């Protein structure tokens, strides 16, 4: 398993296709120190990169949803930009365009 996030996968069968619904939750803690938070975020990005690579080898069209705790709409957020670059580099697209918090 992964230490920096939780994931649950379900297979939905359509007419002649499979959809792999992946629900991801990355926890955050506001009580920890900033340097530790940076380490946690980098650990998440490394583990999520590995997860996306493994996901490519599984059956079913992957749809990833969940709470990643990044403000991707903030163009100045360094880690949000790294997160976006990661999933885009794997061919994924963000479909939610408005903040959900």
Foldseek 3Di string as FASTA:
>chain_A
DADQKDKDWDWDDDDDFIAIEIEIEGDDDPPDDPVVRVVSLVSVLVVVLVVLVVVVVDGHHYDYDYHPPDPLVPPVDPSSVVVVVSVVVSVDDDDDDDDPD
